[in-house]
Protein backbone atom coordinates (compact mmCIF):
# COMPACT_ATOMS: atom_id res chain seq x y z
CA MET A 1 0.30 20.74 28.68
CA GLU A 2 -1.66 18.61 30.94
CA GLY A 3 -4.17 19.64 33.54
CA ASN A 4 -6.21 18.16 36.30
CA LEU A 5 -9.76 19.58 35.97
CA ILE A 6 -13.32 18.76 37.27
CA ILE A 7 -16.26 20.03 35.24
CA GLU A 8 -19.39 20.18 37.36
CA ASN A 9 -23.10 20.74 36.52
CA THR A 10 -22.86 20.28 32.83
CA ARG A 11 -25.03 18.73 30.25
CA ILE A 12 -22.75 16.32 28.49
CA VAL A 13 -23.63 15.70 24.75
CA THR A 14 -21.39 13.37 22.89
CA PRO A 15 -21.06 10.63 20.37
CA LEU A 16 -19.66 7.28 21.69
CA GLY A 17 -17.00 5.00 20.38
CA SER A 18 -13.54 4.71 19.17
CA GLU A 19 -14.25 4.66 15.49
CA ALA A 20 -16.11 6.48 12.77
CA VAL A 21 -19.80 6.57 13.26
CA LYS A 22 -21.48 5.49 9.81
CA GLY A 23 -24.90 6.23 8.13
CA PRO A 24 -27.87 6.90 10.29
CA GLY A 25 -25.75 6.28 13.50
CA MET A 26 -24.35 9.63 13.16
CA GLY A 27 -27.70 11.17 14.29
CA LYS A 28 -27.44 9.42 17.81
CA LEU A 29 -25.78 11.44 20.69
CA TYR A 30 -25.36 10.36 24.32
CA GLU A 31 -26.62 12.95 26.90
CA ILE A 32 -26.47 13.44 30.65
CA GLU A 33 -28.52 16.19 31.94
CA ASN A 34 -26.51 16.83 35.15
CA GLY A 35 -23.10 15.56 34.28
CA CYS A 36 -19.52 15.71 35.50
CA ILE A 37 -16.34 15.36 33.62
CA ILE A 38 -13.05 14.74 35.55
CA ILE A 39 -9.89 15.13 33.62
CA GLU A 40 -6.36 13.91 35.26
CA LYS A 41 -3.15 14.81 33.79
CA GLY A 42 -4.87 15.44 30.44
CA ARG A 43 -7.05 12.43 30.33
CA ILE A 44 -10.81 11.95 31.09
CA ILE A 45 -10.90 9.65 34.06
CA TYR A 46 -14.77 9.87 34.57
CA SER A 47 -17.61 11.33 32.42
CA GLY A 48 -21.06 10.62 33.84
CA PRO A 49 -23.82 11.80 36.02
CA MET A 50 -22.92 14.05 38.96
CA LYS A 51 -24.47 11.84 41.56
CA ASP A 52 -22.11 8.85 40.61
CA ARG A 53 -18.85 10.52 40.28
CA PRO A 54 -16.11 8.86 42.33
CA THR A 55 -15.44 9.86 45.82
CA ASP A 56 -12.64 7.52 46.71
CA GLN A 57 -9.78 9.74 45.19
CA ASP A 58 -8.24 13.05 46.56
CA PHE A 59 -9.37 15.84 44.31
CA SER A 60 -8.38 18.65 46.47
CA LYS A 61 -5.67 19.73 43.96
CA PHE A 62 -7.99 19.74 40.87
CA LYS A 63 -9.42 23.03 39.44
CA ILE A 64 -13.09 23.02 39.59
CA LEU A 65 -15.04 24.65 36.77
CA ASP A 66 -19.02 25.11 37.18
CA ALA A 67 -20.49 24.89 33.77
CA CYS A 68 -23.75 26.34 35.33
CA GLY A 69 -25.87 23.60 33.24
CA ASN A 70 -24.38 24.45 30.03
CA VAL A 71 -23.52 21.96 27.23
CA ALA A 72 -20.20 20.21 27.21
CA LEU A 73 -19.03 18.77 23.89
CA PRO A 74 -15.96 17.03 22.70
CA GLY A 75 -13.48 19.51 21.11
CA PHE A 76 -14.01 20.16 17.67
CA VAL A 77 -11.66 18.63 15.04
CA ASP A 78 -11.02 20.54 11.95
CA SER A 79 -9.58 17.68 9.73
CA HIS A 80 -8.62 19.56 6.55
CA THR A 81 -6.92 23.00 6.48
CA HIS A 82 -4.08 24.75 4.53
CA VAL A 83 -3.23 26.90 7.48
CA MET A 84 0.34 27.95 6.76
CA PHE A 85 1.13 30.24 3.85
CA GLY A 86 2.32 33.50 2.77
CA GLY A 87 0.36 36.40 1.28
CA PHE A 88 -3.29 36.77 0.48
CA ARG A 89 -5.42 36.79 -2.67
CA PRO A 90 -8.35 39.23 -2.39
CA ASP A 91 -8.25 40.04 -5.89
CA GLU A 92 -8.97 36.53 -6.91
CA PHE A 93 -11.95 36.66 -4.85
CA GLU A 94 -13.19 39.72 -6.76
CA TRP A 95 -12.47 37.80 -10.19
CA ARG A 96 -14.70 34.98 -9.01
CA LEU A 97 -17.47 37.47 -8.01
CA LYS A 98 -17.31 38.59 -11.62
CA GLY A 99 -17.55 34.94 -12.88
CA ASP A 100 -14.05 33.70 -13.40
CA SER A 101 -13.65 29.92 -12.74
CA TYR A 102 -11.06 28.45 -10.27
CA MET A 103 -9.29 26.88 -13.16
CA SER A 104 -9.36 29.94 -15.35
CA ILE A 105 -7.80 31.90 -12.42
CA MET A 106 -5.07 29.40 -12.21
CA GLU A 107 -4.42 29.50 -15.93
CA ARG A 108 -3.80 33.33 -15.68
CA GLY A 109 -1.21 33.03 -13.19
CA GLY A 110 -3.18 33.29 -9.89
CA GLY A 111 -4.52 30.45 -7.72
CA ILE A 112 -2.10 28.06 -5.77
CA GLN A 113 1.05 29.50 -7.76
CA SER A 114 0.25 33.09 -6.57
CA THR A 115 0.54 31.76 -2.79
CA VAL A 116 3.57 29.44 -3.49
CA ASN A 117 5.56 32.77 -4.61
CA ALA A 118 4.50 34.63 -1.68
CA THR A 119 5.16 31.62 0.60
CA LYS A 120 8.64 31.21 -0.69
CA ASN A 121 9.49 35.00 -0.02
CA ALA A 122 8.00 34.87 3.59
CA THR A 123 10.39 34.74 6.45
CA ASP A 124 9.93 31.67 9.00
CA TYR A 125 8.94 34.38 11.68
CA HIS A 126 6.15 35.70 9.40
CA LEU A 127 4.91 32.09 8.65
CA VAL A 128 4.83 30.81 12.29
CA ASN A 129 3.24 34.02 13.69
CA LYS A 130 0.49 34.33 11.05
CA THR A 131 -0.25 30.58 11.60
CA ASP A 132 -0.44 31.03 15.27
CA TRP A 133 -2.83 33.85 14.87
CA PHE A 134 -5.28 31.67 12.79
CA LEU A 135 -4.92 28.73 15.33
CA ARG A 136 -5.76 31.09 18.07
CA LYS A 137 -8.99 32.06 16.34
CA MET A 138 -9.77 28.51 15.70
CA SER A 139 -9.29 27.68 19.33
CA GLU A 140 -11.78 30.60 20.20
CA MET A 141 -14.43 28.53 17.89
CA GLY A 142 -13.78 25.16 19.99
CA VAL A 143 -11.09 23.53 17.69
CA THR A 144 -8.91 21.38 19.69
CA THR A 145 -7.14 19.26 16.85
CA VAL A 146 -6.45 20.67 13.40
CA GLU A 147 -4.83 18.91 10.29
CA ALA A 148 -2.58 21.30 8.60
CA LYS A 149 -1.13 20.77 5.11
CA SER A 150 2.01 21.81 3.36
CA GLY A 151 1.55 22.52 -0.27
CA TYR A 152 2.68 25.95 -0.87
CA GLY A 153 5.99 25.29 -1.75
CA LEU A 154 5.94 22.93 -4.69
CA ASP A 155 9.63 22.24 -4.39
CA SER A 156 11.46 19.89 -1.88
CA VAL A 157 13.23 22.79 0.19
CA THR A 158 10.02 24.80 0.82
CA GLU A 159 7.68 21.91 1.37
CA LEU A 160 10.07 20.39 3.99
CA ARG A 161 10.34 23.85 5.51
CA LEU A 162 6.73 24.18 5.90
CA LEU A 163 6.33 20.78 7.52
CA ASN A 164 9.17 21.61 9.88
CA LEU A 165 7.75 24.87 10.89
CA LEU A 166 4.34 23.49 11.49
CA ASP A 167 6.06 20.76 13.80
CA TYR A 168 7.88 23.43 15.49
CA LEU A 169 4.69 25.15 16.46
CA ASN A 170 3.16 21.74 17.61
CA ARG A 171 5.85 20.95 19.90
CA HIS A 172 5.67 24.13 21.91
CA ASP A 173 5.02 23.33 25.63
CA ASP A 174 2.25 25.98 25.68
CA MET A 175 0.48 24.73 22.58
CA PHE A 176 -3.23 25.17 22.94
CA LEU A 177 -4.27 22.48 20.46
CA ASP A 178 -2.98 19.50 18.53
CA ILE A 179 -1.70 19.80 15.02
CA VAL A 180 -1.75 16.84 12.46
CA LEU A 181 0.84 17.35 9.75
CA THR A 182 -0.05 16.31 5.96
CA PHE A 183 2.51 16.40 3.19
CA MET A 184 0.72 17.91 0.22
CA GLY A 185 3.54 18.48 -2.29
CA ALA A 186 1.12 17.37 -4.91
CA HIS A 187 -0.93 20.63 -4.55
CA ALA A 188 -0.26 21.69 -8.08
CA VAL A 189 2.25 21.21 -10.79
CA PRO A 190 4.59 24.05 -10.96
CA PRO A 191 5.39 25.83 -14.08
CA GLU A 192 8.81 24.54 -14.71
CA TYR A 193 7.08 20.99 -14.82
CA ALA A 194 4.15 21.97 -17.18
CA GLY A 195 3.55 19.00 -19.34
CA ARG A 196 5.66 16.81 -17.25
CA THR A 197 3.44 15.95 -14.31
CA ALA A 198 5.03 12.48 -14.09
CA ASP A 199 8.59 14.02 -13.70
CA PHE A 200 7.18 16.34 -10.83
CA VAL A 201 5.74 13.10 -9.14
CA ASP A 202 9.12 11.51 -9.46
CA GLU A 203 10.47 14.45 -7.54
CA LEU A 204 7.98 14.38 -4.63
CA ILE A 205 8.47 10.68 -4.24
CA LYS A 206 12.30 11.33 -3.44
CA ILE A 207 11.47 13.50 -0.42
CA LEU A 208 8.84 11.21 0.82
CA PRO A 209 11.34 9.78 3.53
CA GLU A 210 12.18 13.25 4.82
CA ALA A 211 8.79 14.20 4.83
CA LYS A 212 7.67 11.27 6.95
CA LYS A 213 9.85 12.37 9.77
CA VAL A 214 7.31 14.87 10.81
CA ALA A 215 4.03 14.34 8.69
CA THR A 216 1.42 11.60 9.23
CA PHE A 217 -0.48 11.87 6.11
CA CYS A 218 0.18 12.35 2.28
CA ASP A 219 -2.52 14.18 0.13
CA VAL A 220 -2.84 14.73 -3.41
CA PHE A 221 -5.06 17.33 -5.49
CA CYS A 222 -6.56 14.53 -7.57
CA GLU A 223 -8.23 16.53 -10.37
CA LYS A 224 -8.52 16.96 -14.21
CA ASN A 225 -5.39 18.74 -15.60
CA VAL A 226 -3.58 18.51 -12.14
CA PHE A 227 -2.67 15.06 -10.85
CA GLU A 228 -4.93 12.71 -12.69
CA ILE A 229 -5.76 9.20 -11.58
CA GLU A 230 -2.38 7.41 -12.61
CA ASP A 231 -0.10 10.18 -11.23
CA SER A 232 -2.04 10.38 -8.03
CA ARG A 233 -2.22 6.48 -7.63
CA ARG A 234 1.62 6.22 -8.20
CA LEU A 235 2.45 8.87 -5.60
CA LEU A 236 -0.03 7.52 -2.99
CA GLN A 237 1.24 4.06 -3.59
CA GLU A 238 4.85 5.10 -2.93
CA ALA A 239 3.61 7.30 0.02
CA LYS A 240 2.12 4.21 1.63
CA LYS A 241 5.13 2.20 1.19
CA ALA A 242 6.95 5.02 3.12
CA GLY A 243 4.61 4.74 5.99
CA PHE A 244 2.25 7.62 5.36
CA LYS A 245 -1.43 7.26 5.91
CA LEU A 246 -3.40 8.57 2.85
CA LYS A 247 -5.88 11.44 2.07
CA LEU A 248 -7.13 12.60 -1.29
CA HIS A 249 -8.71 15.82 -2.65
CA ALA A 250 -11.19 13.99 -4.82
CA ASP A 251 -13.79 15.02 -7.34
CA GLU A 252 -13.83 18.60 -6.35
CA ILE A 253 -14.31 20.18 -9.91
CA VAL A 254 -15.17 17.38 -11.99
CA THR A 255 -16.21 13.77 -11.73
CA LEU A 256 -12.82 11.96 -12.30
CA GLY A 257 -12.89 8.91 -10.09
CA GLY A 258 -11.04 10.10 -6.95
CA ALA A 259 -13.38 8.61 -4.53
CA GLU A 260 -13.09 5.26 -6.19
CA LEU A 261 -9.07 5.68 -6.07
CA SER A 262 -9.49 6.48 -2.38
CA ALA A 263 -11.27 3.24 -1.72
CA GLU A 264 -8.92 1.23 -3.97
CA LEU A 265 -5.86 2.59 -2.06
CA GLY A 266 -7.54 2.23 1.54
CA ALA A 267 -7.23 5.91 2.21
CA VAL A 268 -8.36 7.21 5.53
CA SER A 269 -10.41 10.03 4.06
CA ALA A 270 -11.24 11.38 0.50
CA ASP A 271 -12.00 15.38 0.73
CA HIS A 272 -14.37 17.75 -1.00
CA LEU A 273 -16.29 15.31 -3.18
CA LEU A 274 -18.62 17.95 -4.84
CA HIS A 275 -18.86 15.91 -7.97
CA VAL A 276 -18.54 12.25 -6.54
CA SER A 277 -20.20 9.72 -8.55
CA ASP A 278 -22.72 7.24 -7.14
CA ASN A 279 -20.12 4.40 -7.54
CA GLY A 280 -17.53 6.54 -5.70
CA ILE A 281 -19.90 6.82 -2.65
CA LYS A 282 -20.67 3.15 -2.80
CA ARG A 283 -17.03 2.26 -2.89
CA MET A 284 -16.09 4.56 0.00
CA ALA A 285 -18.98 3.06 2.05
CA GLU A 286 -17.58 -0.42 1.25
CA GLU A 287 -14.06 0.33 2.20
CA GLY A 288 -14.64 2.60 5.16
CA VAL A 289 -13.10 5.68 3.80
CA VAL A 290 -14.28 8.81 5.73
CA ALA A 291 -16.10 11.45 3.44
CA THR A 292 -14.77 14.79 4.61
CA LEU A 293 -17.07 17.44 3.35
CA LEU A 294 -16.18 21.09 3.05
CA PRO A 295 -19.25 23.33 2.87
CA LEU A 296 -17.37 26.69 3.30
CA THR A 297 -15.62 25.90 0.07
CA ALA A 298 -18.71 25.15 -1.95
CA PHE A 299 -20.27 28.36 -0.54
CA ALA A 300 -17.17 30.58 -1.26
CA LEU A 301 -17.02 29.23 -5.00
CA LYS A 302 -20.72 29.27 -5.52
CA GLU A 303 -20.80 25.48 -6.28
CA PRO A 304 -23.27 22.88 -5.46
CA PHE A 305 -22.68 21.38 -2.05
CA ALA A 306 -21.45 17.84 -1.45
CA PRO A 307 -24.26 15.31 -1.44
CA ALA A 308 -24.16 14.62 2.36
CA ARG A 309 -27.40 12.82 2.58
CA LYS A 310 -26.24 10.35 -0.17
CA PHE A 311 -23.08 9.64 1.68
CA ILE A 312 -25.19 9.03 5.00
CA GLU A 313 -27.89 6.80 3.44
CA ALA A 314 -25.10 4.82 1.78
CA GLY A 315 -23.74 4.00 5.09
CA CYS A 316 -20.57 6.33 4.81
CA ALA A 317 -19.09 8.10 7.81
CA VAL A 318 -19.18 11.88 7.10
CA ALA A 319 -16.83 14.28 8.54
CA LEU A 320 -16.88 18.13 8.18
CA ALA A 321 -13.91 20.66 8.00
CA THR A 322 -13.19 24.23 7.05
CA ASP A 323 -10.75 23.91 4.30
CA LEU A 324 -9.07 27.23 5.59
CA ASN A 325 -6.94 28.36 2.77
CA PRO A 326 -5.82 31.74 1.03
CA GLY A 327 -7.68 31.09 -2.18
CA SER A 328 -10.72 29.09 -2.74
CA CYS A 329 -11.98 29.48 0.97
CA PHE A 330 -10.42 32.13 3.27
CA SER A 331 -12.51 31.13 6.40
CA GLY A 332 -11.91 28.75 9.35
CA SER A 333 -15.14 29.53 10.49
CA ILE A 334 -16.63 26.43 12.58
CA PRO A 335 -19.89 28.28 13.18
CA LEU A 336 -20.54 28.94 9.49
CA THR A 337 -19.61 25.42 8.54
CA ILE A 338 -22.22 24.08 11.05
CA ALA A 339 -24.90 26.31 9.92
CA LEU A 340 -24.07 25.60 6.14
CA ALA A 341 -24.25 21.76 6.88
CA CYS A 342 -27.53 21.91 8.59
CA ILE A 343 -29.26 24.53 6.15
CA TYR A 344 -27.83 23.58 2.74
CA MET A 345 -26.67 20.11 3.18
CA ASN A 346 -29.74 18.84 5.09
CA MET A 347 -27.64 17.26 7.90
CA SER A 348 -29.35 17.31 11.37
CA ILE A 349 -27.48 19.15 14.12
CA GLU A 350 -26.75 15.67 15.70
CA GLU A 351 -25.10 14.46 12.52
CA THR A 352 -22.98 17.87 12.26
CA ILE A 353 -21.82 17.42 15.88
CA THR A 354 -20.60 13.99 15.14
CA ALA A 355 -19.05 15.00 11.96
CA LEU A 356 -16.96 17.74 13.75
CA THR A 357 -16.06 15.44 16.70
CA LEU A 358 -15.68 11.78 16.48
CA ASN A 359 -15.92 11.52 12.61
CA GLY A 360 -13.45 14.41 12.32
CA ALA A 361 -11.13 12.36 14.63
CA ALA A 362 -11.57 9.32 12.36
CA ALA A 363 -10.55 11.25 9.37
CA LEU A 364 -7.34 11.82 11.06
CA ASP A 365 -7.26 8.24 12.37
CA MET A 366 -7.44 9.33 15.81
CA ALA A 367 -10.96 8.23 17.09
CA GLN A 368 -9.46 6.02 19.76
CA GLU A 369 -7.73 9.22 21.22
CA ILE A 370 -10.13 12.00 20.80
CA GLY A 371 -13.63 12.99 19.52
CA SER A 372 -15.81 11.91 22.32
CA LEU A 373 -16.16 12.52 25.99
CA GLU A 374 -15.36 9.06 27.28
CA LYS A 375 -13.13 7.59 29.99
CA GLY A 376 -9.61 7.31 28.53
CA LYS A 377 -9.72 9.84 25.83
CA ARG A 378 -7.75 13.05 25.85
CA GLY A 379 -9.40 15.72 28.02
CA ASP A 380 -10.47 18.02 25.07
CA VAL A 381 -13.76 19.74 25.85
CA ILE A 382 -15.77 22.73 24.97
CA LEU A 383 -18.50 24.34 26.77
CA LEU A 384 -21.33 26.34 25.01
CA GLY A 385 -22.90 29.45 26.45
CA SER A 386 -26.26 27.51 26.35
CA ASP A 387 -27.95 24.57 27.79
CA ASN A 388 -29.28 23.48 24.32
CA TYR A 389 -26.84 22.32 21.84
CA ARG A 390 -29.31 23.10 19.05
CA VAL A 391 -28.40 26.81 19.22
CA LEU A 392 -25.13 26.03 17.13
CA PRO A 393 -26.92 26.22 13.61
CA TYR A 394 -29.50 28.70 14.95
CA TYR A 395 -27.07 31.35 16.04
CA VAL A 396 -26.03 31.31 12.24
CA GLY A 397 -22.25 32.11 11.93
CA MET A 398 -22.06 33.25 15.47
CA ASN A 399 -19.72 31.57 17.88
CA CYS A 400 -21.55 29.84 20.72
CA VAL A 401 -18.50 28.37 22.29
CA LYS A 402 -17.78 29.95 25.79
CA THR A 403 -14.77 27.89 26.99
CA THR A 404 -12.19 25.63 25.14
CA ILE A 405 -10.34 23.04 27.13
CA PHE A 406 -7.20 21.22 25.78
CA LYS A 407 -5.77 18.36 27.72
CA GLY A 408 -7.61 19.34 30.83
CA VAL A 409 -6.49 22.81 30.57
CA ILE A 410 -8.62 26.04 29.96
CA VAL A 411 -6.99 27.52 26.89
CA CYS A 412 -9.78 29.93 25.81
CA GLN A 413 -12.60 31.73 27.56
CA ASN A 414 -15.05 33.96 25.38
CA ASN A 415 -16.87 36.58 27.25
């Protein structure tokens, strides 16, 4: 899917660059009041003032889209999701409302293992169609690139099955967004390996070469009583040898040192980070690890939000993502993510836009390809239903995206 498209009369708002924007620089956006974006064969060939657009090329076969003065942003990048799974867990949501902790729910047979059981029993047709429905809803909210993890198999057959189904979706000719695959077999320790985490890590290491055929990243739930530091380090070191780029679920529930481990191993990102240490922040800043913060999860769990301002003031690059999953955060809402980041994490709207575009791209090691509206990048653009990008947090939880464009093709138009 690649299109030829000219977007006229738009207010271009975008971060700039081909790498993560760090620290205070996240608050700087480039703006053009009366702009034009030209996309040829899915790539941006011009992004600038209407008056300066090229005239030495035949554009007669290009589709013209009049933005009527409304804002054009880079497509949103949701760089942390668990979008493919079987079943639902509304009962656990009610348990949490009554005060049960995430770990206590896992201990009574709920949590990830509940979804693992449902996923193993689901047909390929059910998993693909359910995931496609979620992805279409995300596209309506302006997402043009999404990271999707395995992790609801916890055995070699099901983990590889999930990755191959996600790859199948991504290879469709009419796909309306890009899916970046992450192998996360280390999402929980299955019951048959209780007390033998190291043995389970051995099994995961065995399937790394097969998983690498379709997945770009390897992730691990680095958490107390799940995969602690030594097991996480060993798995990720072997994954790196196998050619994977690295991610970590780090310091979500307790301060364990996952942030420090991400810096030690040169991970692309460390995610969650609700209970990160000051030293962890410092080490991530020093090593250029993107801090991917997930405010929807903190909101759903009634936990303190990750310290976004500390990361930014320390010179870190902060990305935002939804963490859509069936347990701790059954939401892929970009609008609510934006509102929570601005209202409760004290991020400016400019920082938030950078976190959901260029820094989200950097969290997937794709900042040279996507994340800003610059010549040479993929033609992923969203148009708001307003000429003022500051409506994004102001319309609390409401979708402000009018048009989603993927590779120069209009894939979604909201009334």
